[in-house]
Amino acid sequence: MGWVSMMARFGAMVAPMVLLLGEDFPWLPGFIYGGAPILSGIFAFFLPETLAQPLPDTIQDVDDRGFAWKKAKRLPEKEDLAKKDPSCVLLKESV
């Protein structure tokens, strides 16, 4: 969280300077403000915690995922549970 806060402050300080550079290089602000989000989006695809992983559907899926080095056994998938027990309800019941 601290890193995000620091980068937000850094971006707020640099933004006016980028606009000033636009006076000499008119294409530069568009390149920076358009290229940085696209580049960061591409890099986000290669993060190790999301690489080739489906998005979690429930909070329980997030809790079960954890870190790969923490859990040694593979947990059964929701589809496997539903195939074995048709009366299995995958949603939590409200009290």
C-alpha atoms as a PDB file:
ATOM      1  CA  MET A   1       0.000   0.000   0.000  1.00  0.00           C
ATOM      2  CA  GLY A   2       2.875   2.333   0.747  1.00  0.00           C
ATOM      3  CA  TRP A   3       4.365   1.742  -2.695  1.00  0.00           C
ATOM      4  CA  VAL A   4       1.089   2.627  -4.386  1.00  0.00           C
ATOM      5  CA  SER A   5       0.785   5.813  -2.327  1.00  0.00           C
ATOM      6  CA  MET A   6       4.343   6.820  -3.155  1.00  0.00           C
ATOM      7  CA  MET A   7       3.849   6.204  -6.878  1.00  0.00           C
ATOM      8  CA  ALA A   8       0.610   8.220  -6.849  1.00  0.00           C
ATOM      9  CA  ARG A   9       2.435  11.172  -5.323  1.00  0.00           C
ATOM     10  CA  PHE A  10       5.291  10.755  -7.793  1.00  0.00           C
ATOM     11  CA  GLY A  11       2.820  10.720 -10.682  1.00  0.00           C
ATOM     12  CA  ALA A  12       1.173  13.878  -9.387  1.00  0.00           C
ATOM     13  CA  MET A  13       4.560  15.598  -9.322  1.00  0.00           C
ATOM     14  CA  VAL A  14       5.659  14.424 -12.772  1.00  0.00           C
ATOM     15  CA  ALA A  15       2.357  15.045 -14.616  1.00  0.00           C
ATOM     16  CA  PRO A  16       2.842  18.821 -14.999  1.00  0.00           C
ATOM     17  CA  MET A  17       6.394  18.285 -16.252  1.00  0.00           C
ATOM     18  CA  VAL A  18       5.140  15.878 -18.918  1.00  0.00           C
ATOM     19  CA  LEU A  19       2.631  18.479 -20.063  1.00  0.00           C
ATOM     20  CA  LEU A  20       5.405  21.092 -20.238  1.00  0.00           C
ATOM     21  CA  LEU A  21       7.428  18.737 -22.430  1.00  0.00           C
ATOM     22  CA  GLY A  22       4.402  18.679 -24.720  1.00  0.00           C
ATOM     23  CA  GLU A  23       5.240  22.207 -25.815  1.00  0.00           C
ATOM     24  CA  ASP A  24       8.479  20.993 -27.424  1.00  0.00           C
ATOM     25  CA  PHE A  25       7.343  17.491 -28.365  1.00  0.00           C
ATOM     26  CA  PRO A  26       3.578  17.470 -29.004  1.00  0.00           C
ATOM     27  CA  TRP A  27       3.416  13.688 -29.292  1.00  0.00           C
ATOM     28  CA  LEU A  28       5.164  13.005 -25.949  1.00  0.00           C
ATOM     29  CA  PRO A  29       2.270  13.468 -23.459  1.00  0.00           C
ATOM     30  CA  GLY A  30      -0.009  11.198 -25.488  1.00  0.00           C
ATOM     31  CA  PHE A  31       2.738   8.639 -25.794  1.00  0.00           C
ATOM     32  CA  ILE A  32       3.450   8.620 -22.042  1.00  0.00           C
ATOM     33  CA  TYR A  33      -0.165   8.810 -20.835  1.00  0.00           C
ATOM     34  CA  GLY A  34      -1.311   6.240 -23.386  1.00  0.00           C
ATOM     35  CA  GLY A  35       1.712   3.975 -23.460  1.00  0.00           C
ATOM     36  CA  ALA A  36       2.211   3.556 -19.721  1.00  0.00           C
ATOM     37  CA  PRO A  37      -1.221   1.966 -19.054  1.00  0.00           C
ATOM     38  CA  ILE A  38      -0.939  -0.308 -22.064  1.00  0.00           C
ATOM     39  CA  LEU A  39       2.549  -1.410 -21.064  1.00  0.00           C
ATOM     40  CA  SER A  40       1.546  -2.032 -17.446  1.00  0.00           C
ATOM     41  CA  GLY A  41      -1.492  -4.018 -18.606  1.00  0.00           C
ATOM     42  CA  ILE A  42       0.739  -6.245 -20.718  1.00  0.00           C
ATOM     43  CA  PHE A  43       3.096  -6.797 -17.783  1.00  0.00           C
ATOM     44  CA  ALA A  44       0.145  -7.684 -15.540  1.00  0.00           C
ATOM     45  CA  PHE A  45      -0.515 -10.757 -17.685  1.00  0.00           C
ATOM     46  CA  PHE A  46       2.855 -12.183 -16.637  1.00  0.00           C
ATOM     47  CA  LEU A  47       2.539 -11.829 -12.869  1.00  0.00           C
ATOM     48  CA  PRO A  48       3.312 -15.191 -11.269  1.00  0.00           C
ATOM     49  CA  GLU A  49       0.214 -15.229  -9.048  1.00  0.00           C
ATOM     50  CA  THR A  50      -2.157 -14.814 -12.010  1.00  0.00           C
ATOM     51  CA  LEU A  51      -0.284 -16.570 -14.826  1.00  0.00           C
ATOM     52  CA  ALA A  52      -2.552 -19.199 -16.434  1.00  0.00           C
ATOM     53  CA  GLN A  53      -4.946 -19.168 -13.459  1.00  0.00           C
ATOM     54  CA  PRO A  54      -8.719 -18.845 -13.739  1.00  0.00           C
ATOM     55  CA  LEU A  55     -10.335 -16.013 -11.837  1.00  0.00           C
ATOM     56  CA  PRO A  56     -11.787 -17.046  -8.470  1.00  0.00           C
ATOM     57  CA  ASP A  57     -15.593 -17.124  -8.247  1.00  0.00           C
ATOM     58  CA  THR A  58     -16.093 -16.988  -4.476  1.00  0.00           C
ATOM     59  CA  ILE A  59     -14.237 -15.895  -1.370  1.00  0.00           C
ATOM     60  CA  GLN A  60     -13.709 -19.575  -0.563  1.00  0.00           C
ATOM     61  CA  ASP A  61     -11.906 -19.991  -3.903  1.00  0.00           C
ATOM     62  CA  VAL A  62      -9.572 -17.146  -2.948  1.00  0.00           C
ATOM     63  CA  ASP A  63      -8.914 -18.676   0.474  1.00  0.00           C
ATOM     64  CA  ASP A  64      -8.299 -22.110  -1.046  1.00  0.00           C
ATOM     65  CA  ARG A  65      -5.895 -20.771  -3.661  1.00  0.00           C
ATOM     66  CA  GLY A  66      -3.282 -19.380  -1.252  1.00  0.00           C
ATOM     67  CA  PHE A  67       0.355 -19.741  -2.174  1.00  0.00           C
ATOM     68  CA  ALA A  68       1.585 -22.795  -4.055  1.00  0.00           C
ATOM     69  CA  TRP A  69       4.356 -23.451  -1.544  1.00  0.00           C
ATOM     70  CA  LYS A  70       1.964 -23.428   1.413  1.00  0.00           C
ATOM     71  CA  LYS A  71      -0.295 -26.237   0.285  1.00  0.00           C
ATOM     72  CA  ALA A  72       1.079 -29.567  -0.754  1.00  0.00           C
ATOM     73  CA  LYS A  73      -2.090 -31.339  -1.876  1.00  0.00           C
ATOM     74  CA  ARG A  74      -4.446 -30.413  -4.664  1.00  0.00           C
ATOM     75  CA  LEU A  75      -7.907 -29.380  -3.565  1.00  0.00           C
ATOM     76  CA  PRO A  76     -10.835 -30.817  -5.534  1.00  0.00           C
ATOM     77  CA  GLU A  77     -12.374 -28.524  -8.090  1.00  0.00           C
ATOM     78  CA  LYS A  78     -15.966 -27.325  -7.737  1.00  0.00           C
ATOM     79  CA  GLU A  79     -16.960 -29.191 -10.876  1.00  0.00           C
ATOM     80  CA  ASP A  80     -15.510 -32.445  -9.487  1.00  0.00           C
ATOM     81  CA  LEU A  81     -17.526 -32.061  -6.288  1.00  0.00           C
ATOM     82  CA  ALA A  82     -20.725 -31.433  -8.223  1.00  0.00           C
ATOM     83  CA  LYS A  83     -20.162 -34.523 -10.378  1.00  0.00           C
ATOM     84  CA  LYS A  84     -19.636 -36.764  -7.350  1.00  0.00           C
ATOM     85  CA  ASP A  85     -22.539 -35.463  -5.266  1.00  0.00           C
ATOM     86  CA  PRO A  86     -25.506 -34.008  -7.188  1.00  0.00           C
ATOM     87  CA  SER A  87     -27.092 -32.768  -3.956  1.00  0.00           C
ATOM     88  CA  CYS A  88     -24.025 -30.637  -3.263  1.00  0.00           C
ATOM     89  CA  VAL A  89     -24.902 -26.945  -3.173  1.00  0.00           C
ATOM     90  CA  LEU A  90     -21.930 -24.758  -4.038  1.00  0.00           C
ATOM     91  CA  LEU A  91     -23.455 -21.579  -2.639  1.00  0.00           C
ATOM     92  CA  LYS A  92     -23.416 -20.808   1.051  1.00  0.00           C
ATOM     93  CA  GLU A  93     -26.776 -20.886   2.760  1.00  0.00           C
ATOM     94  CA  SER A  94     -27.902 -17.793   4.627  1.00  0.00           C
ATOM     95  CA  VAL A  95     -29.052 -18.211   8.192  1.00  0.00           C
END
